[in-house]
């Protein structure tokens, strides 16, 4: 899973880089391009399946700076173009390459690729980052269970974790502490969050905590003997 989430992060970063490239090239094109008034002289449509709405692609005619009549089909379509036949539009094009570079001067036409790449890049990066972090966290817990030093700690409180709120409700967590017999220092540990009050399921005042050797800040409170969830108490 770490490999999959790591790959998603890489894909997300590449898509964001591609979005930046599209944004830069579009900006550079706009700085040197020429404008002309064009007219939508034809409409073509396509649809992916019978249940989807048709997408209309306008065909635009304009006269470039050399007096030549140019006809081009927009590469960006929309259902909103359906009733646009005969309408005038602002055309932007590069001099001496009017046919291959001409396009309707609109946010959709110019920044469709940028927006598309940016949205999917952000989604891939977000899911990949969250998944990778959770995978790392689960991996650390497994390592602590396997290699960590077990401590028998005393449960001192069951509290609401008010730092987190979902629909106005906060999860519960178990707080325990352990006194180091050598240094007489007290260490406090907090469990993972519960979506229900675990108090009724506490059988005694002891709970095992696995800590990393020489680092009590890295620990895992073993709550595996508690129920995973109670549907009636689930956070919604």
C-alpha atoms as a PDB file:
ATOM      1  CA  UNK A   1       0.000   0.000   0.000  1.00  0.00           C
ATOM      2  CA  UNK A   2       2.864   2.370   0.724  1.00  0.00           C
ATOM      3  CA  UNK A   3       4.113   1.813  -2.817  1.00  0.00           C
ATOM      4  CA  UNK A   4       0.681   2.564  -4.276  1.00  0.00           C
ATOM      5  CA  UNK A   5       0.221   5.714  -2.218  1.00  0.00           C
ATOM      6  CA  UNK A   6       3.777   6.772  -2.986  1.00  0.00           C
ATOM      7  CA  UNK A   7       3.084   6.360  -6.704  1.00  0.00           C
ATOM      8  CA  UNK A   8      -0.078   8.457  -6.337  1.00  0.00           C
ATOM      9  CA  UNK A   9       1.964  11.228  -4.749  1.00  0.00           C
ATOM     10  CA  UNK A  10       4.420  11.152  -7.647  1.00  0.00           C
ATOM     11  CA  UNK A  11       1.583  11.223 -10.205  1.00  0.00           C
ATOM     12  CA  UNK A  12      -0.027  14.124  -8.334  1.00  0.00           C
ATOM     13  CA  UNK A  13       3.219  16.101  -8.362  1.00  0.00           C
ATOM     14  CA  UNK A  14       3.736  15.408 -12.074  1.00  0.00           C
ATOM     15  CA  UNK A  15       0.190  16.560 -12.868  1.00  0.00           C
ATOM     16  CA  UNK A  16       0.702  19.744 -10.869  1.00  0.00           C
ATOM     17  CA  UNK A  17       3.955  20.370 -12.731  1.00  0.00           C
ATOM     18  CA  UNK A  18       2.092  19.799 -15.999  1.00  0.00           C
ATOM     19  CA  UNK A  19      -0.587  22.272 -14.893  1.00  0.00           C
ATOM     20  CA  UNK A  20       2.125  24.839 -14.175  1.00  0.00           C
ATOM     21  CA  UNK A  21       3.612  24.244 -17.624  1.00  0.00           C
ATOM     22  CA  UNK A  22       0.224  24.701 -19.303  1.00  0.00           C
ATOM     23  CA  UNK A  23      -0.401  27.895 -17.323  1.00  0.00           C
ATOM     24  CA  UNK A  24       2.990  29.314 -18.310  1.00  0.00           C
ATOM     25  CA  UNK A  25       2.703  28.461 -22.002  1.00  0.00           C
ATOM     26  CA  UNK A  26      -0.831  29.872 -22.170  1.00  0.00           C
ATOM     27  CA  UNK A  27       0.313  33.072 -20.486  1.00  0.00           C
ATOM     28  CA  UNK A  28       3.271  33.398 -22.887  1.00  0.00           C
ATOM     29  CA  UNK A  29       0.954  32.778 -25.846  1.00  0.00           C
ATOM     30  CA  UNK A  30      -1.469  35.471 -24.716  1.00  0.00           C
ATOM     31  CA  UNK A  31       1.333  38.015 -24.425  1.00  0.00           C
ATOM     32  CA  UNK A  32       2.326  37.700 -28.101  1.00  0.00           C
ATOM     33  CA  UNK A  33      -0.915  36.623 -29.765  1.00  0.00           C
ATOM     34  CA  UNK A  34      -3.206  38.706 -31.957  1.00  0.00           C
ATOM     35  CA  UNK A  35      -6.954  39.184 -31.543  1.00  0.00           C
ATOM     36  CA  UNK A  36      -9.695  39.121 -34.144  1.00  0.00           C
ATOM     37  CA  UNK A  37     -13.485  39.022 -34.177  1.00  0.00           C
ATOM     38  CA  UNK A  38     -14.777  35.668 -35.309  1.00  0.00           C
ATOM     39  CA  UNK A  39     -18.184  34.149 -35.872  1.00  0.00           C
ATOM     40  CA  UNK A  40     -19.450  30.692 -34.964  1.00  0.00           C
ATOM     41  CA  UNK A  41     -20.438  29.328 -38.364  1.00  0.00           C
ATOM     42  CA  UNK A  42     -21.027  25.689 -37.548  1.00  0.00           C
ATOM     43  CA  UNK A  43     -21.539  23.356 -34.584  1.00  0.00           C
ATOM     44  CA  UNK A  44     -20.528  19.735 -34.249  1.00  0.00           C
ATOM     45  CA  UNK A  45     -21.384  17.519 -31.330  1.00  0.00           C
ATOM     46  CA  UNK A  46     -20.385  14.258 -29.767  1.00  0.00           C
ATOM     47  CA  UNK A  47     -21.516  12.193 -26.804  1.00  0.00           C
ATOM     48  CA  UNK A  48     -19.812   9.407 -24.904  1.00  0.00           C
ATOM     49  CA  UNK A  49     -23.014   7.361 -24.495  1.00  0.00           C
ATOM     50  CA  UNK A  50     -26.776   7.625 -24.954  1.00  0.00           C
ATOM     51  CA  UNK A  51     -27.361   8.735 -21.362  1.00  0.00           C
ATOM     52  CA  UNK A  52     -24.930  11.684 -21.412  1.00  0.00           C
ATOM     53  CA  UNK A  53     -25.638  15.175 -22.717  1.00  0.00           C
ATOM     54  CA  UNK A  54     -24.088  16.054 -26.087  1.00  0.00           C
ATOM     55  CA  UNK A  55     -21.033  18.287 -26.122  1.00  0.00           C
ATOM     56  CA  UNK A  56     -20.994  20.913 -28.874  1.00  0.00           C
ATOM     57  CA  UNK A  57     -17.783  22.011 -30.585  1.00  0.00           C
ATOM     58  CA  UNK A  58     -17.994  25.353 -32.405  1.00  0.00           C
ATOM     59  CA  UNK A  59     -16.446  25.957 -35.777  1.00  0.00           C
ATOM     60  CA  UNK A  60     -15.275  29.566 -36.026  1.00  0.00           C
ATOM     61  CA  UNK A  61     -14.544  31.738 -39.048  1.00  0.00           C
ATOM     62  CA  UNK A  62     -12.442  34.912 -38.833  1.00  0.00           C
ATOM     63  CA  UNK A  63     -10.164  37.090 -40.930  1.00  0.00           C
ATOM     64  CA  UNK A  64      -6.561  37.285 -39.752  1.00  0.00           C
ATOM     65  CA  UNK A  65      -4.223  40.286 -39.889  1.00  0.00           C
ATOM     66  CA  UNK A  66      -3.149  39.383 -43.445  1.00  0.00           C
ATOM     67  CA  UNK A  67      -6.731  39.486 -44.688  1.00  0.00           C
ATOM     68  CA  UNK A  68      -6.989  35.729 -45.013  1.00  0.00           C
ATOM     69  CA  UNK A  69     -10.195  33.917 -44.076  1.00  0.00           C
ATOM     70  CA  UNK A  70      -9.442  31.277 -41.473  1.00  0.00           C
ATOM     71  CA  UNK A  71     -11.774  28.504 -40.314  1.00  0.00           C
ATOM     72  CA  UNK A  72     -10.956  26.390 -37.293  1.00  0.00           C
ATOM     73  CA  UNK A  73     -12.742  23.970 -35.013  1.00  0.00           C
ATOM     74  CA  UNK A  74     -12.421  24.588 -31.293  1.00  0.00           C
ATOM     75  CA  UNK A  75     -10.780  21.717 -29.412  1.00  0.00           C
ATOM     76  CA  UNK A  76     -12.838  22.566 -26.326  1.00  0.00           C
ATOM     77  CA  UNK A  77     -16.557  21.853 -26.411  1.00  0.00           C
ATOM     78  CA  UNK A  78     -19.468  22.519 -24.099  1.00  0.00           C
ATOM     79  CA  UNK A  79     -23.208  21.953 -23.964  1.00  0.00           C
ATOM     80  CA  UNK A  80     -23.556  25.742 -23.619  1.00  0.00           C
ATOM     81  CA  UNK A  81     -22.508  26.210 -27.258  1.00  0.00           C
ATOM     82  CA  UNK A  82     -25.712  24.534 -28.486  1.00  0.00           C
ATOM     83  CA  UNK A  83     -27.510  27.817 -29.212  1.00  0.00           C
ATOM     84  CA  UNK A  84     -24.449  29.884 -30.105  1.00  0.00           C
ATOM     85  CA  UNK A  85     -24.582  29.501 -33.907  1.00  0.00           C
ATOM     86  CA  UNK A  86     -24.007  32.895 -35.522  1.00  0.00           C
ATOM     87  CA  UNK A  87     -22.621  34.524 -32.383  1.00  0.00           C
ATOM     88  CA  UNK A  88     -19.488  36.649 -32.488  1.00  0.00           C
ATOM     89  CA  UNK A  89     -16.532  35.553 -30.389  1.00  0.00           C
ATOM     90  CA  UNK A  90     -13.102  36.935 -29.618  1.00  0.00           C
ATOM     91  CA  UNK A  91     -10.452  34.864 -31.395  1.00  0.00           C
ATOM     92  CA  UNK A  92      -6.829  34.827 -30.325  1.00  0.00           C
ATOM     93  CA  UNK A  93      -4.066  33.455 -32.559  1.00  0.00           C
ATOM     94  CA  UNK A  94      -0.335  33.594 -33.239  1.00  0.00           C
ATOM     95  CA  UNK A  95       0.771  35.544 -36.284  1.00  0.00           C
ATOM     96  CA  UNK A  96       1.819  33.443 -39.311  1.00  0.00           C
ATOM     97  CA  UNK A  97       0.344  30.340 -37.681  1.00  0.00           C
ATOM     98  CA  UNK A  98      -3.290  31.339 -37.429  1.00  0.00           C
ATOM     99  CA  UNK A  99      -4.861  27.987 -38.370  1.00  0.00           C
ATOM    100  CA  UNK A 100      -2.945  25.828 -35.912  1.00  0.00           C
ATOM    101  CA  UNK A 101      -2.962  28.253 -32.988  1.00  0.00           C
ATOM    102  CA  UNK A 102      -6.332  29.972 -33.264  1.00  0.00           C
ATOM    103  CA  UNK A 103      -8.781  29.452 -30.453  1.00  0.00           C
ATOM    104  CA  UNK A 104     -11.682  31.169 -28.770  1.00  0.00           C
ATOM    105  CA  UNK A 105     -10.441  33.612 -26.176  1.00  0.00           C
ATOM    106  CA  UNK A 106     -12.175  32.254 -23.096  1.00  0.00           C
ATOM    107  CA  UNK A 107     -11.134  30.900 -19.724  1.00  0.00           C
ATOM    108  CA  UNK A 108     -12.437  27.442 -20.679  1.00  0.00           C
ATOM    109  CA  UNK A 109     -10.504  27.311 -23.939  1.00  0.00           C
ATOM    110  CA  UNK A 110      -7.267  28.598 -22.452  1.00  0.00           C
ATOM    111  CA  UNK A 111      -7.185  26.977 -19.075  1.00  0.00           C
ATOM    112  CA  UNK A 112      -9.101  23.710 -19.514  1.00  0.00           C
ATOM    113  CA  UNK A 113      -5.887  21.654 -19.579  1.00  0.00           C
ATOM    114  CA  UNK A 114      -4.452  23.653 -16.683  1.00  0.00           C
ATOM    115  CA  UNK A 115      -7.549  23.292 -14.497  1.00  0.00           C
ATOM    116  CA  UNK A 116      -8.001  19.604 -15.392  1.00  0.00           C
ATOM    117  CA  UNK A 117      -4.373  18.774 -14.568  1.00  0.00           C
ATOM    118  CA  UNK A 118      -4.387  20.861 -11.390  1.00  0.00           C
ATOM    119  CA  UNK A 119      -7.587  19.294 -10.014  1.00  0.00           C
ATOM    120  CA  UNK A 120      -6.517  15.714 -10.670  1.00  0.00           C
ATOM    121  CA  UNK A 121      -2.989  16.465  -9.486  1.00  0.00           C
ATOM    122  CA  UNK A 122      -4.291  17.878  -6.202  1.00  0.00           C
ATOM    123  CA  UNK A 123      -6.616  14.875  -5.717  1.00  0.00           C
ATOM    124  CA  UNK A 124      -3.863  12.334  -6.393  1.00  0.00           C
ATOM    125  CA  UNK A 125      -1.411  14.213  -4.180  1.00  0.00           C
ATOM    126  CA  UNK A 126      -3.908  14.541  -1.304  1.00  0.00           C
ATOM    127  CA  UNK A 127      -5.014  10.896  -1.365  1.00  0.00           C
ATOM    128  CA  UNK A 128      -1.443   9.707  -1.799  1.00  0.00           C
ATOM    129  CA  UNK A 129      -0.149  11.880   1.054  1.00  0.00           C
ATOM    130  CA  UNK A 130      -2.921  10.876   3.472  1.00  0.00           C
ATOM    131  CA  UNK A 131      -2.659   7.197   2.543  1.00  0.00           C
ATOM    132  CA  UNK A 132       1.128   7.237   2.775  1.00  0.00           C
ATOM    133  CA  UNK A 133       0.994   8.907   6.191  1.00  0.00           C
ATOM    134  CA  UNK A 134      -1.555   6.378   7.473  1.00  0.00           C
ATOM    135  CA  UNK A 135       0.498   3.493   6.081  1.00  0.00           C
ATOM    136  CA  UNK A 136       3.604   4.840   7.799  1.00  0.00           C
ATOM    137  CA  UNK A 137       1.681   5.252  11.036  1.00  0.00           C
ATOM    138  CA  UNK A 138       0.347   1.691  10.861  1.00  0.00           C
ATOM    139  CA  UNK A 139       3.851   0.470  10.068  1.00  0.00           C
ATOM    140  CA  UNK A 140       5.276   2.255  13.101  1.00  0.00           C
ATOM    141  CA  UNK A 141       2.626   0.707  15.331  1.00  0.00           C
ATOM    142  CA  UNK A 142       3.374  -2.760  13.996  1.00  0.00           C
ATOM    143  CA  UNK A 143       7.067  -2.178  14.642  1.00  0.00           C
ATOM    144  CA  UNK A 144       6.364  -1.033  18.204  1.00  0.00           C
ATOM    145  CA  UNK A 145       4.215  -4.113  18.836  1.00  0.00           C
ATOM    146  CA  UNK A 146       7.035  -6.279  17.540  1.00  0.00           C
ATOM    147  CA  UNK A 147      10.078  -4.504  18.953  1.00  0.00           C
ATOM    148  CA  UNK A 148       8.833  -2.002  21.538  1.00  0.00           C
ATOM    149  CA  UNK A 149       9.197  -2.325  25.297  1.00  0.00           C
ATOM    150  CA  UNK A 150       5.845  -3.194  26.955  1.00  0.00           C
ATOM    151  CA  UNK A 151       4.852  -1.093  29.949  1.00  0.00           C
ATOM    152  CA  UNK A 152       1.980  -1.834  32.283  1.00  0.00           C
ATOM    153  CA  UNK A 153       0.485   1.613  32.718  1.00  0.00           C
ATOM    154  CA  UNK A 154      -2.319   2.841  34.949  1.00  0.00           C
ATOM    155  CA  UNK A 155      -5.467   4.243  33.386  1.00  0.00           C
ATOM    156  CA  UNK A 156      -6.116   7.662  34.883  1.00  0.00           C
ATOM    157  CA  UNK A 157      -8.825   9.072  32.624  1.00  0.00           C
ATOM    158  CA  UNK A 158     -11.191   8.485  29.734  1.00  0.00           C
ATOM    159  CA  UNK A 159     -11.719  11.810  28.034  1.00  0.00           C
ATOM    160  CA  UNK A 160     -13.116  13.496  24.959  1.00  0.00           C
ATOM    161  CA  UNK A 161     -10.481  14.553  22.469  1.00  0.00           C
ATOM    162  CA  UNK A 162     -11.836  18.060  21.931  1.00  0.00           C
ATOM    163  CA  UNK A 163      -9.087  18.835  19.430  1.00  0.00           C
ATOM    164  CA  UNK A 164     -11.171  16.836  16.932  1.00  0.00           C
ATOM    165  CA  UNK A 165     -14.824  17.456  16.135  1.00  0.00           C
ATOM    166  CA  UNK A 166     -17.014  15.719  13.551  1.00  0.00           C
ATOM    167  CA  UNK A 167     -20.514  17.149  13.189  1.00  0.00           C
ATOM    168  CA  UNK A 168     -20.159  18.683  16.620  1.00  0.00           C
ATOM    169  CA  UNK A 169     -19.020  15.455  18.289  1.00  0.00           C
ATOM    170  CA  UNK A 170     -15.548  14.581  19.565  1.00  0.00           C
ATOM    171  CA  UNK A 171     -14.027  11.107  19.854  1.00  0.00           C
ATOM    172  CA  UNK A 172     -12.913   9.484  23.097  1.00  0.00           C
ATOM    173  CA  UNK A 173      -9.465   8.381  24.171  1.00  0.00           C
ATOM    174  CA  UNK A 174      -7.909   6.588  27.115  1.00  0.00           C
ATOM    175  CA  UNK A 175      -5.204   8.373  29.094  1.00  0.00           C
ATOM    176  CA  UNK A 176      -2.753   6.375  31.166  1.00  0.00           C
ATOM    177  CA  UNK A 177       0.480   7.045  32.998  1.00  0.00           C
ATOM    178  CA  UNK A 178       3.575   5.170  34.095  1.00  0.00           C
ATOM    179  CA  UNK A 179       6.140   5.964  36.769  1.00  0.00           C
ATOM    180  CA  UNK A 180       9.728   5.192  35.853  1.00  0.00           C
ATOM    181  CA  UNK A 181      11.103   3.436  38.980  1.00  0.00           C
ATOM    182  CA  UNK A 182      14.655   4.566  38.214  1.00  0.00           C
ATOM    183  CA  UNK A 183      14.168   8.247  37.398  1.00  0.00           C
ATOM    184  CA  UNK A 184      10.840   8.688  39.250  1.00  0.00           C
ATOM    185  CA  UNK A 185       9.557  10.503  36.173  1.00  0.00           C
ATOM    186  CA  UNK A 186       5.913  10.137  35.191  1.00  0.00           C
ATOM    187  CA  UNK A 187       5.069   9.493  31.546  1.00  0.00           C
ATOM    188  CA  UNK A 188       1.563  10.125  30.190  1.00  0.00           C
ATOM    189  CA  UNK A 189       0.160   8.221  27.192  1.00  0.00           C
ATOM    190  CA  UNK A 190      -2.975   8.766  25.119  1.00  0.00           C
ATOM    191  CA  UNK A 191      -4.638   6.028  23.076  1.00  0.00           C
ATOM    192  CA  UNK A 192      -5.959   6.224  19.542  1.00  0.00           C
ATOM    193  CA  UNK A 193      -9.403   7.800  19.227  1.00  0.00           C
ATOM    194  CA  UNK A 194     -12.576   5.823  19.908  1.00  0.00           C
ATOM    195  CA  UNK A 195     -15.903   6.637  18.252  1.00  0.00           C
ATOM    196  CA  UNK A 196     -17.650   5.531  21.452  1.00  0.00           C
ATOM    197  CA  UNK A 197     -17.057   5.817  25.188  1.00  0.00           C
ATOM    198  CA  UNK A 198     -14.760   2.874  26.065  1.00  0.00           C
ATOM    199  CA  UNK A 199     -15.328   3.221  29.826  1.00  0.00           C
ATOM    200  CA  UNK A 200     -17.786   0.281  30.128  1.00  0.00           C
ATOM    201  CA  UNK A 201     -15.232  -2.027  28.485  1.00  0.00           C
ATOM    202  CA  UNK A 202     -12.355  -1.260  30.838  1.00  0.00           C
ATOM    203  CA  UNK A 203     -11.917  -4.409  32.944  1.00  0.00           C
ATOM    204  CA  UNK A 204      -9.214  -3.064  35.253  1.00  0.00           C
ATOM    205  CA  UNK A 205      -7.109   0.060  35.701  1.00  0.00           C
ATOM    206  CA  UNK A 206      -4.153  -1.293  33.706  1.00  0.00           C
ATOM    207  CA  UNK A 207      -3.390  -1.053  30.004  1.00  0.00           C
ATOM    208  CA  UNK A 208      -0.288  -2.057  28.049  1.00  0.00           C
ATOM    209  CA  UNK A 209       1.721   0.571  26.219  1.00  0.00           C
ATOM    210  CA  UNK A 210       4.561  -0.313  23.855  1.00  0.00           C
ATOM    211  CA  UNK A 211       7.329   2.292  23.745  1.00  0.00           C
ATOM    212  CA  UNK A 212      10.400   2.681  21.587  1.00  0.00           C
ATOM    213  CA  UNK A 213      13.646   2.007  23.379  1.00  0.00           C
ATOM    214  CA  UNK A 214      15.127   5.206  24.827  1.00  0.00           C
ATOM    215  CA  UNK A 215      12.291   7.313  23.371  1.00  0.00           C
ATOM    216  CA  UNK A 216       9.073   7.408  25.353  1.00  0.00           C
ATOM    217  CA  UNK A 217       7.536   9.890  22.909  1.00  0.00           C
ATOM    218  CA  UNK A 218       7.140   7.045  20.419  1.00  0.00           C
ATOM    219  CA  UNK A 219       4.550   4.691  21.799  1.00  0.00           C
ATOM    220  CA  UNK A 220       1.452   2.672  21.024  1.00  0.00           C
ATOM    221  CA  UNK A 221      -1.384   2.089  23.485  1.00  0.00           C
ATOM    222  CA  UNK A 222      -2.675  -1.445  22.940  1.00  0.00           C
ATOM    223  CA  UNK A 223      -6.467  -1.226  22.676  1.00  0.00           C
ATOM    224  CA  UNK A 224      -6.865  -4.362  20.569  1.00  0.00           C
ATOM    225  CA  UNK A 225      -9.066  -5.999  23.223  1.00  0.00           C
ATOM    226  CA  UNK A 226     -11.695  -3.228  22.908  1.00  0.00           C
ATOM    227  CA  UNK A 227     -14.591  -3.505  20.412  1.00  0.00           C
ATOM    228  CA  UNK A 228     -13.826  -1.803  17.113  1.00  0.00           C
ATOM    229  CA  UNK A 229     -17.033   0.228  17.137  1.00  0.00           C
ATOM    230  CA  UNK A 230     -20.571   0.414  18.416  1.00  0.00           C
ATOM    231  CA  UNK A 231     -22.946   1.395  15.569  1.00  0.00           C
ATOM    232  CA  UNK A 232     -25.271   3.413  17.823  1.00  0.00           C
ATOM    233  CA  UNK A 233     -22.392   5.535  19.038  1.00  0.00           C
ATOM    234  CA  UNK A 234     -20.762   6.012  15.647  1.00  0.00           C
ATOM    235  CA  UNK A 235     -19.621   9.512  14.745  1.00  0.00           C
ATOM    236  CA  UNK A 236     -21.546  10.658  11.684  1.00  0.00           C
END
